[in-house]
Protein backbone atom coordinates (compact mmCIF):
# COMPACT_ATOMS: atom_id res chain seq x y z
CA MET A 1 0.00 0.00 0.00
CA THR A 2 1.28 3.44 -0.91
CA LYS A 3 1.63 5.93 1.91
CA ARG A 4 0.33 9.43 1.37
CA VAL A 5 2.54 12.44 1.68
CA LYS A 6 1.08 14.18 4.70
CA GLY A 7 0.49 17.89 4.98
CA PRO A 8 -1.15 20.25 7.44
CA VAL A 9 -4.76 19.89 8.53
CA LEU A 10 -7.10 21.27 5.88
CA THR A 11 -9.89 23.70 6.47
CA SER A 12 -12.83 24.43 4.21
CA SER A 13 -11.33 27.83 3.37
CA SER A 14 -8.02 26.29 2.26
CA GLN A 15 -9.89 23.83 0.05
CA GLY A 16 -11.70 26.74 -1.59
CA CYS A 17 -8.46 27.76 -3.31
CA LEU A 18 -8.17 24.43 -5.13
CA PRO A 19 -9.69 25.59 -8.44
CA SER A 20 -7.32 28.58 -8.59
CA LEU A 21 -4.27 26.42 -7.85
CA LEU A 22 -5.27 23.90 -10.50
CA GLU A 23 -5.77 26.70 -13.00
CA ILE A 24 -2.25 27.99 -12.30
CA ILE A 25 -0.80 24.56 -13.07
CA ASP A 26 -2.97 23.97 -16.13
CA SER A 27 -2.36 27.38 -17.71
CA TRP A 28 1.40 27.51 -17.07
CA GLU A 29 3.44 27.97 -20.21
CA THR A 30 5.89 25.14 -20.87
CA THR A 31 8.57 27.63 -21.93
CA THR A 32 8.14 29.55 -18.67
CA VAL A 33 8.76 26.45 -16.56
CA SER A 34 11.76 25.26 -18.55
CA SER A 35 13.37 28.71 -18.71
CA GLY A 36 13.75 28.68 -14.94
CA SER A 37 12.63 32.22 -14.11
CA THR A 38 13.10 32.44 -10.36
CA SER A 39 9.90 34.25 -9.37
CA GLU A 40 7.79 32.19 -11.75
CA SER A 41 9.40 28.97 -10.54
CA ARG A 42 8.55 29.94 -6.97
CA VAL A 43 4.91 30.46 -7.90
CA MET A 44 4.80 27.03 -9.54
CA LEU A 45 6.54 25.37 -6.60
CA SER A 46 4.28 27.08 -4.05
CA SER A 47 1.19 26.06 -6.01
CA LEU A 48 2.38 22.46 -6.16
CA GLN A 49 3.15 22.44 -2.42
CA ALA A 50 -0.38 23.60 -1.70
CA LEU A 51 -1.79 20.99 -4.10
CA THR A 52 0.27 18.32 -2.34
CA ASN A 53 -1.30 19.26 0.98
CA LEU A 54 -4.79 19.42 -0.51
CA SER A 55 -4.39 16.02 -2.17
CA THR A 56 -3.92 14.17 1.13
CA THR A 57 -7.66 13.46 1.25
CA ASN A 58 -9.87 12.02 -1.49
CA THR A 59 -12.45 14.78 -1.10
CA HIS A 60 -11.39 16.86 -4.11
CA HIS A 61 -9.43 14.39 -6.20
CA ASN A 62 -11.97 14.61 -9.00
CA HIS A 63 -10.79 18.20 -9.62
CA TYR A 64 -7.23 17.03 -10.23
CA THR A 65 -8.16 15.06 -13.36
CA GLN A 66 -7.94 18.25 -15.44
CA VAL A 67 -4.22 18.71 -14.68
CA ILE A 68 -2.83 15.17 -14.61
CA HIS A 69 -1.43 15.55 -18.14
CA ARG A 70 0.32 18.79 -17.11
CA LEU A 71 1.80 17.13 -14.03
CA TYR A 72 3.35 14.47 -16.25
CA GLU A 73 4.69 17.16 -18.61
CA LEU A 74 6.28 18.99 -15.69
CA LEU A 75 8.26 15.87 -14.80
CA ASP A 76 10.14 16.24 -18.08
CA ILE A 77 10.85 19.97 -18.04
CA ALA A 78 10.90 21.27 -14.46
CA ASN A 79 13.74 21.58 -11.97
CA ASP A 80 14.32 18.95 -9.28
CA ALA A 81 12.35 20.71 -6.53
CA THR A 82 9.31 21.10 -8.78
CA CYS A 83 9.55 17.50 -9.98
CA LEU A 84 9.62 16.30 -6.37
CA GLN A 85 6.40 18.20 -5.62
CA VAL A 86 4.77 16.81 -8.77
CA VAL A 87 5.66 13.28 -7.68
CA LYS A 88 4.18 13.94 -4.23
CA VAL A 89 0.89 15.04 -5.77
CA LEU A 90 0.83 11.99 -8.07
CA VAL A 91 1.56 9.64 -5.16
CA ASN A 92 -1.30 11.13 -3.15
CA LEU A 93 -3.66 10.79 -6.11
CA SER A 94 -2.57 7.20 -6.73
CA CYS A 95 -3.74 6.23 -3.24
CA ASN A 96 -7.31 6.73 -4.45
CA LYS A 97 -8.41 3.72 -6.51
CA ASP A 98 -10.86 5.92 -8.43
CA MET A 99 -7.98 8.09 -9.66
CA VAL A 100 -5.79 5.25 -10.96
CA PRO A 101 -7.59 4.99 -14.33
CA HIS A 102 -7.12 8.75 -14.84
CA LEU A 103 -3.44 8.52 -13.96
CA LEU A 104 -2.92 5.64 -16.38
CA ALA A 105 -4.96 7.20 -19.18
CA ALA A 106 -3.35 10.63 -19.12
CA LYS A 107 -1.56 11.50 -22.32
CA VAL A 108 1.66 13.46 -22.37
CA ASN A 109 2.50 15.58 -25.41
């Protein structure tokens, strides 16, 4: 059994930011991530850290399906710290049996 990457206790207000965080990940330009701009990389990393914490429960996993393909893309182009956060999100999602088909079906460009 896979062990989830634990984060802080979630409140309903922190879960309300989930759509905005997912939009940041989904709309991020590939060239921006690979160019390594420091401030932009920090925004990406911070967003992924928050998504890691929010993915510790199954409650909102259905929202993550829209960005799974982007998470896989980030593994190929992002720096090590960002890749680590992506892996943490994917591990948390893989603990939910309902998410496994989405993780396996995601297509990477």
